Full PDB file with SEQRES, HELIX, SHEET, SSBOND, CRYST1, ORIGX, SCALE, CONECT and MASTER records, all heavy atoms in Angstrom:
SEQRES   1 A   35  THR ALA ARG GLY ASN ILE ILE ASP GLU GLU ALA LEU TYR          
SEQRES   2 A   35  GLU ALA LEU LYS GLU GLY GLN ILE ALA GLY ALA GLY VAL          
SEQRES   3 A   35  ASP VAL PHE ALA GLN GLU PRO LEU PRO                          
HELIX    1 AA1 GLY A    4  ILE A    6  5                                   3    
HELIX    2 AA2 GLU A    9  LYS A   17  1                                   9    
CRYST1    1.000    1.000    1.000  90.00  90.00  90.00 P 1           1          
ORIGX1      1.000000  0.000000  0.000000        0.00000                         
ORIGX2      0.000000  1.000000  0.000000        0.00000                         
ORIGX3      0.000000  0.000000  1.000000        0.00000                         
SCALE1      1.000000  0.000000  0.000000        0.00000                         
SCALE2      0.000000  1.000000  0.000000        0.00000                         
SCALE3      0.000000  0.000000  1.000000        0.00000                         
ATOM      1  N   THR A   1      80.189 -11.840  25.143  1.00  0.00           N  
ATOM      2  CA  THR A   1      81.136 -12.910  24.901  1.00  0.00           C  
ATOM      3  C   THR A   1      82.341 -12.410  24.154  1.00  0.00           C  
ATOM      4  O   THR A   1      83.066 -13.191  23.536  1.00  0.00           O  
ATOM      5  CB  THR A   1      80.432 -13.972  24.050  1.00  0.00           C  
ATOM      6  OG1 THR A   1      79.930 -13.351  22.943  1.00  0.00           O  
ATOM      7  CG2 THR A   1      79.253 -14.636  24.858  1.00  0.00           C  
ATOM      8  N   ALA A   2      82.563 -11.112  24.139  1.00  0.00           N  
ATOM      9  CA  ALA A   2      83.724 -10.496  23.418  1.00  0.00           C  
ATOM     10  C   ALA A   2      84.894 -10.261  24.225  1.00  0.00           C  
ATOM     11  O   ALA A   2      85.843 -11.152  24.408  1.00  0.00           O  
ATOM     12  CB  ALA A   2      83.140  -9.156  22.771  1.00  0.00           C  
ATOM     13  N   ARG A   3      85.054  -9.142  25.019  1.00  0.00           N  
ATOM     14  CA  ARG A   3      86.104  -8.795  25.795  1.00  0.00           C  
ATOM     15  C   ARG A   3      85.590  -8.127  27.117  1.00  0.00           C  
ATOM     16  O   ARG A   3      84.662  -7.226  27.029  1.00  0.00           O  
ATOM     17  CB  ARG A   3      87.168  -8.024  25.158  1.00  0.00           C  
ATOM     18  CG  ARG A   3      88.150  -8.836  24.241  1.00  0.00           C  
ATOM     19  CD  ARG A   3      88.881  -9.783  25.103  1.00  0.00           C  
ATOM     20  NE  ARG A   3      89.872 -10.612  24.255  1.00  0.00           N  
ATOM     21  CZ  ARG A   3      89.610 -11.714  23.900  1.00  0.00           C  
ATOM     22  NH1 ARG A   3      88.387 -12.377  24.029  1.00  0.00           N  
ATOM     23  NH2 ARG A   3      90.484 -12.453  23.033  1.00  0.00           N  
ATOM     24  N   GLY A   4      86.216  -8.395  28.220  1.00  0.00           N  
ATOM     25  CA  GLY A   4      85.643  -7.905  29.546  1.00  0.00           C  
ATOM     26  C   GLY A   4      85.560  -6.374  29.619  1.00  0.00           C  
ATOM     27  O   GLY A   4      84.584  -5.803  30.012  1.00  0.00           O  
ATOM     28  N   ASN A   5      86.550  -5.712  29.199  1.00  0.00           N  
ATOM     29  CA  ASN A   5      86.632  -4.296  29.369  1.00  0.00           C  
ATOM     30  C   ASN A   5      85.728  -3.454  28.552  1.00  0.00           C  
ATOM     31  O   ASN A   5      85.748  -2.167  28.521  1.00  0.00           O  
ATOM     32  CB  ASN A   5      88.075  -3.695  29.221  1.00  0.00           C  
ATOM     33  CG  ASN A   5      88.905  -3.792  30.572  1.00  0.00           C  
ATOM     34  OD1 ASN A   5      88.286  -3.431  31.593  1.00  0.00           O  
ATOM     35  ND2 ASN A   5      90.031  -4.331  30.651  1.00  0.00           N  
ATOM     36  N   ILE A   6      85.019  -4.103  27.637  1.00  0.00           N  
ATOM     37  CA  ILE A   6      84.065  -3.363  26.837  1.00  0.00           C  
ATOM     38  C   ILE A   6      82.906  -2.897  27.672  1.00  0.00           C  
ATOM     39  O   ILE A   6      82.232  -1.867  27.423  1.00  0.00           O  
ATOM     40  CB  ILE A   6      83.459  -4.260  25.654  1.00  0.00           C  
ATOM     41  CG1 ILE A   6      84.655  -4.583  24.694  1.00  0.00           C  
ATOM     42  CG2 ILE A   6      82.305  -3.637  24.960  1.00  0.00           C  
ATOM     43  CD1 ILE A   6      84.308  -5.619  23.654  1.00  0.00           C  
ATOM     44  N   ILE A   7      82.686  -3.596  28.812  1.00  0.00           N  
ATOM     45  CA  ILE A   7      81.624  -3.264  29.752  1.00  0.00           C  
ATOM     46  C   ILE A   7      82.293  -2.701  31.087  1.00  0.00           C  
ATOM     47  O   ILE A   7      83.416  -3.319  31.480  1.00  0.00           O  
ATOM     48  CB  ILE A   7      80.809  -4.472  30.235  1.00  0.00           C  
ATOM     49  CG1 ILE A   7      79.872  -4.997  29.030  1.00  0.00           C  
ATOM     50  CG2 ILE A   7      79.922  -4.127  31.363  1.00  0.00           C  
ATOM     51  CD1 ILE A   7      79.037  -6.091  29.347  1.00  0.00           C  
ATOM     52  N   ASP A   8      81.717  -1.628  31.517  1.00  0.00           N  
ATOM     53  CA  ASP A   8      82.178  -1.100  32.819  1.00  0.00           C  
ATOM     54  C   ASP A   8      81.496  -1.916  33.860  1.00  0.00           C  
ATOM     55  O   ASP A   8      80.283  -1.851  34.069  1.00  0.00           O  
ATOM     56  CB  ASP A   8      81.729   0.341  32.994  1.00  0.00           C  
ATOM     57  CG  ASP A   8      82.089   1.007  34.360  1.00  0.00           C  
ATOM     58  OD1 ASP A   8      82.387   0.260  35.276  1.00  0.00           O  
ATOM     59  OD2 ASP A   8      82.119   2.277  34.492  1.00  0.00           O  
ATOM     60  N   GLU A   9      82.282  -2.874  34.527  1.00  0.00           N  
ATOM     61  CA  GLU A   9      81.725  -3.844  35.403  1.00  0.00           C  
ATOM     62  C   GLU A   9      81.021  -3.284  36.705  1.00  0.00           C  
ATOM     63  O   GLU A   9      80.058  -3.763  37.188  1.00  0.00           O  
ATOM     64  CB  GLU A   9      82.758  -4.867  35.802  1.00  0.00           C  
ATOM     65  CG  GLU A   9      83.078  -5.767  34.650  1.00  0.00           C  
ATOM     66  CD  GLU A   9      84.197  -6.784  35.055  1.00  0.00           C  
ATOM     67  OE1 GLU A   9      84.631  -6.786  36.217  1.00  0.00           O  
ATOM     68  OE2 GLU A   9      84.628  -7.536  34.225  1.00  0.00           O  
ATOM     69  N   GLU A  10      81.586  -2.135  37.149  1.00  0.00           N  
ATOM     70  CA  GLU A  10      80.954  -1.408  38.299  1.00  0.00           C  
ATOM     71  C   GLU A  10      79.645  -0.890  37.873  1.00  0.00           C  
ATOM     72  O   GLU A  10      78.651  -1.137  38.666  1.00  0.00           O  
ATOM     73  CB  GLU A  10      81.851  -0.326  38.776  1.00  0.00           C  
ATOM     74  CG  GLU A  10      81.347   0.390  39.992  1.00  0.00           C  
ATOM     75  CD  GLU A  10      82.227   1.440  40.490  1.00  0.00           C  
ATOM     76  OE1 GLU A  10      83.467   1.475  40.085  1.00  0.00           O  
ATOM     77  OE2 GLU A  10      81.749   2.360  41.202  1.00  0.00           O  
ATOM     78  N   ALA A  11      79.482  -0.321  36.726  1.00  0.00           N  
ATOM     79  CA  ALA A  11      78.224   0.208  36.278  1.00  0.00           C  
ATOM     80  C   ALA A  11      77.248  -0.895  35.956  1.00  0.00           C  
ATOM     81  O   ALA A  11      76.033  -0.829  36.352  1.00  0.00           O  
ATOM     82  CB  ALA A  11      78.404   1.014  35.055  1.00  0.00           C  
ATOM     83  N   LEU A  12      77.706  -2.047  35.426  1.00  0.00           N  
ATOM     84  CA  LEU A  12      76.865  -3.304  35.263  1.00  0.00           C  
ATOM     85  C   LEU A  12      76.291  -3.727  36.580  1.00  0.00           C  
ATOM     86  O   LEU A  12      75.113  -4.043  36.718  1.00  0.00           O  
ATOM     87  CB  LEU A  12      77.652  -4.286  34.438  1.00  0.00           C  
ATOM     88  CG  LEU A  12      76.828  -5.602  34.256  1.00  0.00           C  
ATOM     89  CD1 LEU A  12      75.585  -5.271  33.258  1.00  0.00           C  
ATOM     90  CD2 LEU A  12      77.784  -6.668  33.590  1.00  0.00           C  
ATOM     91  N   TYR A  13      77.208  -3.887  37.552  1.00  0.00           N  
ATOM     92  CA  TYR A  13      76.751  -4.350  38.917  1.00  0.00           C  
ATOM     93  C   TYR A  13      75.687  -3.509  39.348  1.00  0.00           C  
ATOM     94  O   TYR A  13      74.618  -4.017  39.941  1.00  0.00           O  
ATOM     95  CB  TYR A  13      77.940  -4.362  39.865  1.00  0.00           C  
ATOM     96  CG  TYR A  13      77.559  -4.645  41.314  1.00  0.00           C  
ATOM     97  CD1 TYR A  13      77.156  -5.854  41.757  1.00  0.00           C  
ATOM     98  CD2 TYR A  13      77.507  -3.538  42.179  1.00  0.00           C  
ATOM     99  CE1 TYR A  13      76.663  -6.082  43.065  1.00  0.00           C  
ATOM    100  CE2 TYR A  13      77.130  -3.753  43.517  1.00  0.00           C  
ATOM    101  CZ  TYR A  13      76.784  -5.018  43.936  1.00  0.00           C  
ATOM    102  OH  TYR A  13      76.345  -5.217  45.231  1.00  0.00           O  
ATOM    103  N   GLU A  14      75.787  -2.240  39.319  1.00  0.00           N  
ATOM    104  CA  GLU A  14      74.823  -1.246  39.956  1.00  0.00           C  
ATOM    105  C   GLU A  14      73.542  -1.384  39.160  1.00  0.00           C  
ATOM    106  O   GLU A  14      72.393  -1.367  39.829  1.00  0.00           O  
ATOM    107  CB  GLU A  14      75.281   0.163  39.812  1.00  0.00           C  
ATOM    108  CG  GLU A  14      76.594   0.463  40.794  1.00  0.00           C  
ATOM    109  CD  GLU A  14      77.152   1.724  40.644  1.00  0.00           C  
ATOM    110  OE1 GLU A  14      76.693   2.607  39.727  1.00  0.00           O  
ATOM    111  OE2 GLU A  14      78.100   2.084  41.350  1.00  0.00           O  
ATOM    112  N   ALA A  15      73.583  -1.567  37.897  1.00  0.00           N  
ATOM    113  CA  ALA A  15      72.331  -1.626  37.089  1.00  0.00           C  
ATOM    114  C   ALA A  15      71.565  -2.902  37.419  1.00  0.00           C  
ATOM    115  O   ALA A  15      70.349  -2.903  37.395  1.00  0.00           O  
ATOM    116  CB  ALA A  15      72.671  -1.469  35.603  1.00  0.00           C  
ATOM    117  N   LEU A  16      72.317  -3.998  37.589  1.00  0.00           N  
ATOM    118  CA  LEU A  16      71.657  -5.279  37.909  1.00  0.00           C  
ATOM    119  C   LEU A  16      71.103  -5.232  39.355  1.00  0.00           C  
ATOM    120  O   LEU A  16      70.010  -5.749  39.564  1.00  0.00           O  
ATOM    121  CB  LEU A  16      72.714  -6.440  37.788  1.00  0.00           C  
ATOM    122  CG  LEU A  16      73.011  -6.706  36.303  1.00  0.00           C  
ATOM    123  CD1 LEU A  16      74.327  -7.668  36.324  1.00  0.00           C  
ATOM    124  CD2 LEU A  16      72.004  -7.438  35.553  1.00  0.00           C  
ATOM    125  N   LYS A  17      71.931  -4.765  40.245  1.00  0.00           N  
ATOM    126  CA  LYS A  17      71.511  -4.783  41.650  1.00  0.00           C  
ATOM    127  C   LYS A  17      70.257  -3.944  41.911  1.00  0.00           C  
ATOM    128  O   LYS A  17      69.460  -4.281  42.706  1.00  0.00           O  
ATOM    129  CB  LYS A  17      72.734  -4.203  42.542  1.00  0.00           C  
ATOM    130  CG  LYS A  17      72.414  -4.334  44.017  1.00  0.00           C  
ATOM    131  CD  LYS A  17      73.658  -3.858  44.848  1.00  0.00           C  
ATOM    132  CE  LYS A  17      73.472  -4.032  46.311  1.00  0.00           C  
ATOM    133  NZ  LYS A  17      72.451  -3.044  46.869  1.00  0.00           N  
ATOM    134  N   GLU A  18      70.185  -2.819  41.192  1.00  0.00           N  
ATOM    135  CA  GLU A  18      69.102  -1.872  41.365  1.00  0.00           C  
ATOM    136  C   GLU A  18      67.889  -2.239  40.483  1.00  0.00           C  
ATOM    137  O   GLU A  18      66.854  -1.653  40.577  1.00  0.00           O  
ATOM    138  CB  GLU A  18      69.522  -0.510  41.082  1.00  0.00           C  
ATOM    139  CG  GLU A  18      70.638   0.100  41.948  1.00  0.00           C  
ATOM    140  CD  GLU A  18      70.266   0.090  43.390  1.00  0.00           C  
ATOM    141  OE1 GLU A  18      69.060   0.416  43.643  1.00  0.00           O  
ATOM    142  OE2 GLU A  18      71.062  -0.240  44.266  1.00  0.00           O  
ATOM    143  N   GLY A  19      67.933  -3.371  39.689  1.00  0.00           N  
ATOM    144  CA  GLY A  19      66.945  -3.726  38.829  1.00  0.00           C  
ATOM    145  C   GLY A  19      66.706  -2.791  37.605  1.00  0.00           C  
ATOM    146  O   GLY A  19      65.576  -2.768  37.005  1.00  0.00           O  
ATOM    147  N   GLN A  20      67.759  -1.975  37.340  1.00  0.00           N  
ATOM    148  CA  GLN A  20      67.637  -1.100  36.263  1.00  0.00           C  
ATOM    149  C   GLN A  20      67.520  -1.809  34.939  1.00  0.00           C  
ATOM    150  O   GLN A  20      66.848  -1.406  33.950  1.00  0.00           O  
ATOM    151  CB  GLN A  20      68.942  -0.201  36.257  1.00  0.00           C  
ATOM    152  CG  GLN A  20      68.873   0.948  35.136  1.00  0.00           C  
ATOM    153  CD  GLN A  20      70.093   1.733  35.249  1.00  0.00           C  
ATOM    154  OE1 GLN A  20      70.766   1.934  36.272  1.00  0.00           O  
ATOM    155  NE2 GLN A  20      70.449   2.426  34.169  1.00  0.00           N  
ATOM    156  N   ILE A  21      68.260  -3.025  34.872  1.00  0.00           N  
ATOM    157  CA  ILE A  21      68.015  -3.962  33.692  1.00  0.00           C  
ATOM    158  C   ILE A  21      67.724  -5.339  34.337  1.00  0.00           C  
ATOM    159  O   ILE A  21      67.998  -5.575  35.434  1.00  0.00           O  
ATOM    160  CB  ILE A  21      69.264  -4.023  32.828  1.00  0.00           C  
ATOM    161  CG1 ILE A  21      70.525  -4.511  33.455  1.00  0.00           C  
ATOM    162  CG2 ILE A  21      69.483  -2.690  32.140  1.00  0.00           C  
ATOM    163  CD1 ILE A  21      71.639  -4.678  32.607  1.00  0.00           C  
ATOM    164  N   ALA A  22      67.092  -6.135  33.427  1.00  0.00           N  
ATOM    165  CA  ALA A  22      66.697  -7.533  34.007  1.00  0.00           C  
ATOM    166  C   ALA A  22      67.780  -8.523  34.296  1.00  0.00           C  
ATOM    167  O   ALA A  22      67.741  -9.279  35.220  1.00  0.00           O  
ATOM    168  CB  ALA A  22      65.624  -7.961  33.151  1.00  0.00           C  
ATOM    169  N   GLY A  23      68.813  -8.479  33.446  1.00  0.00           N  
ATOM    170  CA  GLY A  23      69.915  -9.420  33.584  1.00  0.00           C  
ATOM    171  C   GLY A  23      70.998  -9.264  32.734  1.00  0.00           C  
ATOM    172  O   GLY A  23      71.007  -8.436  31.720  1.00  0.00           O  
ATOM    173  N   ALA A  24      72.036 -10.044  32.951  1.00  0.00           N  
ATOM    174  CA  ALA A  24      73.273  -9.981  32.123  1.00  0.00           C  
ATOM    175  C   ALA A  24      73.847 -11.337  32.098  1.00  0.00           C  
ATOM    176  O   ALA A  24      73.906 -12.082  33.044  1.00  0.00           O  
ATOM    177  CB  ALA A  24      74.242  -8.983  32.620  1.00  0.00           C  
ATOM    178  N   GLY A  25      74.371 -11.779  30.866  1.00  0.00           N  
ATOM    179  CA  GLY A  25      75.154 -12.963  30.688  1.00  0.00           C  
ATOM    180  C   GLY A  25      76.615 -12.562  30.314  1.00  0.00           C  
ATOM    181  O   GLY A  25      76.794 -11.918  29.260  1.00  0.00           O  
ATOM    182  N   VAL A  26      77.541 -12.975  31.201  1.00  0.00           N  
ATOM    183  CA  VAL A  26      78.908 -12.418  30.995  1.00  0.00           C  
ATOM    184  C   VAL A  26      79.863 -13.604  30.918  1.00  0.00           C  
ATOM    185  O   VAL A  26      79.888 -14.372  31.943  1.00  0.00           O  
ATOM    186  CB  VAL A  26      79.345 -11.451  32.124  1.00  0.00           C  
ATOM    187  CG1 VAL A  26      80.652 -10.817  31.727  1.00  0.00           C  
ATOM    188  CG2 VAL A  26      78.199 -10.378  32.214  1.00  0.00           C  
ATOM    189  N   ASP A  27      80.557 -13.721  29.880  1.00  0.00           N  
ATOM    190  CA  ASP A  27      81.593 -14.834  29.715  1.00  0.00           C  
ATOM    191  C   ASP A  27      82.999 -14.322  29.809  1.00  0.00           C  
ATOM    192  O   ASP A  27      84.017 -15.117  29.850  1.00  0.00           O  
ATOM    193  CB  ASP A  27      81.313 -15.546  28.473  1.00  0.00           C  
ATOM    194  CG  ASP A  27      82.262 -16.780  28.181  1.00  0.00           C  
ATOM    195  OD1 ASP A  27      82.333 -17.641  29.132  1.00  0.00           O  
ATOM    196  OD2 ASP A  27      83.053 -16.707  27.161  1.00  0.00           O  
ATOM    197  N   VAL A  28      83.226 -13.001  29.654  1.00  0.00           N  
ATOM    198  CA  VAL A  28      84.505 -12.324  29.675  1.00  0.00           C  
ATOM    199  C   VAL A  28      84.587 -11.259  30.814  1.00  0.00           C  
ATOM    200  O   VAL A  28      83.601 -10.479  30.952  1.00  0.00           O  
ATOM    201  CB  VAL A  28      84.906 -11.847  28.341  1.00  0.00           C  
ATOM    202  CG1 VAL A  28      85.130 -12.961  27.334  1.00  0.00           C  
ATOM    203  CG2 VAL A  28      83.687 -10.937  27.767  1.00  0.00           C  
ATOM    204  N   PHE A  29      85.761 -11.037  31.353  1.00  0.00           N  
ATOM    205  CA  PHE A  29      85.841 -10.002  32.486  1.00  0.00           C  
ATOM    206  C   PHE A  29      87.160  -9.193  32.348  1.00  0.00           C  
ATOM    207  O   PHE A  29      88.010  -9.532  31.669  1.00  0.00           O  
ATOM    208  CB  PHE A  29      85.837 -10.772  33.794  1.00  0.00           C  
ATOM    209  CG  PHE A  29      84.568 -11.682  33.940  1.00  0.00           C  
ATOM    210  CD1 PHE A  29      84.661 -13.054  33.520  1.00  0.00           C  
ATOM    211  CD2 PHE A  29      83.421 -11.137  34.428  1.00  0.00           C  
ATOM    212  CE1 PHE A  29      83.500 -13.878  33.672  1.00  0.00           C  
ATOM    213  CE2 PHE A  29      82.345 -11.931  34.591  1.00  0.00           C  
ATOM    214  CZ  PHE A  29      82.294 -13.322  34.185  1.00  0.00           C  
ATOM    215  N   ALA A  30      87.018  -8.087  33.001  1.00  0.00           N  
ATOM    216  CA  ALA A  30      88.216  -7.147  32.979  1.00  0.00           C  
ATOM    217  C   ALA A  30      89.469  -7.866  33.596  1.00  0.00           C  
ATOM    218  O   ALA A  30      90.566  -7.672  33.114  1.00  0.00           O  
ATOM    219  CB  ALA A  30      87.863  -5.871  33.805  1.00  0.00           C  
ATOM    220  N   GLN A  31      89.174  -8.627  34.565  1.00  0.00           N  
ATOM    221  CA  GLN A  31      90.281  -9.494  35.206  1.00  0.00           C  
ATOM    222  C   GLN A  31      89.879 -10.890  35.167  1.00  0.00           C  
ATOM    223  O   GLN A  31      88.761 -11.289  35.584  1.00  0.00           O  
ATOM    224  CB  GLN A  31      90.525  -9.041  36.714  1.00  0.00           C  
ATOM    225  CG  GLN A  31      91.654  -9.773  37.304  1.00  0.00           C  
ATOM    226  CD  GLN A  31      91.902  -9.302  38.674  1.00  0.00           C  
ATOM    227  OE1 GLN A  31      91.547  -8.217  39.181  1.00  0.00           O  
ATOM    228  NE2 GLN A  31      92.533 -10.143  39.581  1.00  0.00           N  
ATOM    229  N   GLU A  32      90.790 -11.680  34.593  1.00  0.00           N  
ATOM    230  CA  GLU A  32      90.514 -13.105  34.538  1.00  0.00           C  
ATOM    231  C   GLU A  32      91.615 -13.984  35.107  1.00  0.00           C  
ATOM    232  O   GLU A  32      92.726 -13.639  34.846  1.00  0.00           O  
ATOM    233  CB  GLU A  32      90.207 -13.555  33.109  1.00  0.00           C  
ATOM    234  CG  GLU A  32      88.966 -12.966  32.483  1.00  0.00           C  
ATOM    235  CD  GLU A  32      88.754 -13.378  31.049  1.00  0.00           C  
ATOM    236  OE1 GLU A  32      89.445 -14.140  30.551  1.00  0.00           O  
ATOM    237  OE2 GLU A  32      87.621 -12.944  30.620  1.00  0.00           O  
ATOM    238  N   PRO A  33      91.317 -14.884  36.012  1.00  0.00           N  
ATOM    239  CA  PRO A  33      90.008 -15.395  36.426  1.00  0.00           C  
ATOM    240  C   PRO A  33      89.266 -14.279  37.203  1.00  0.00           C  
ATOM    241  O   PRO A  33      89.984 -13.275  37.839  1.00  0.00           O  
ATOM    242  CB  PRO A  33      90.354 -16.509  37.388  1.00  0.00           C  
ATOM    243  CG  PRO A  33      91.591 -16.951  37.053  1.00  0.00           C  
ATOM    244  CD  PRO A  33      92.342 -15.781  36.547  1.00  0.00           C  
ATOM    245  N   LEU A  34      87.960 -14.265  37.268  1.00  0.00           N  
ATOM    246  CA  LEU A  34      87.175 -13.296  37.953  1.00  0.00           C  
ATOM    247  C   LEU A  34      87.514 -13.424  39.398  1.00  0.00           C  
ATOM    248  O   LEU A  34      87.428 -14.493  40.044  1.00  0.00           O  
ATOM    249  CB  LEU A  34      85.762 -13.558  37.689  1.00  0.00           C  
ATOM    250  CG  LEU A  34      84.629 -12.662  38.363  1.00  0.00           C  
ATOM    251  CD1 LEU A  34      84.783 -11.235  37.864  1.00  0.00           C  
ATOM    252  CD2 LEU A  34      83.332 -13.140  38.223  1.00  0.00           C  
ATOM    253  N   PRO A  35      87.916 -12.346  40.171  1.00  0.00           N  
ATOM    254  CA  PRO A  35      88.203 -12.352  41.517  1.00  0.00           C  
ATOM    255  C   PRO A  35      87.087 -12.963  42.415  1.00  0.00           C  
ATOM    256  O   PRO A  35      85.889 -12.664  42.052  1.00  0.00           O  
ATOM    257  CB  PRO A  35      88.477 -10.889  41.831  1.00  0.00           C  
ATOM    258  CG  PRO A  35      88.889 -10.276  40.559  1.00  0.00           C  
ATOM    259  CD  PRO A  35      88.073 -10.990  39.596  1.00  0.00           C  
TER     260      PRO A  35                                                      
MASTER        0    0    0    2    0    0    0    6  259    1    0    3          
END                                                                             
């Protein structure tokens, strides 16, 4: 809930898609509005 670019969104997507982590709650994004 801080700022989008603190997380590498590509890496987050991969981790979620592959089940490497169970989930993510994201309120802020590198680009807003989220494409």
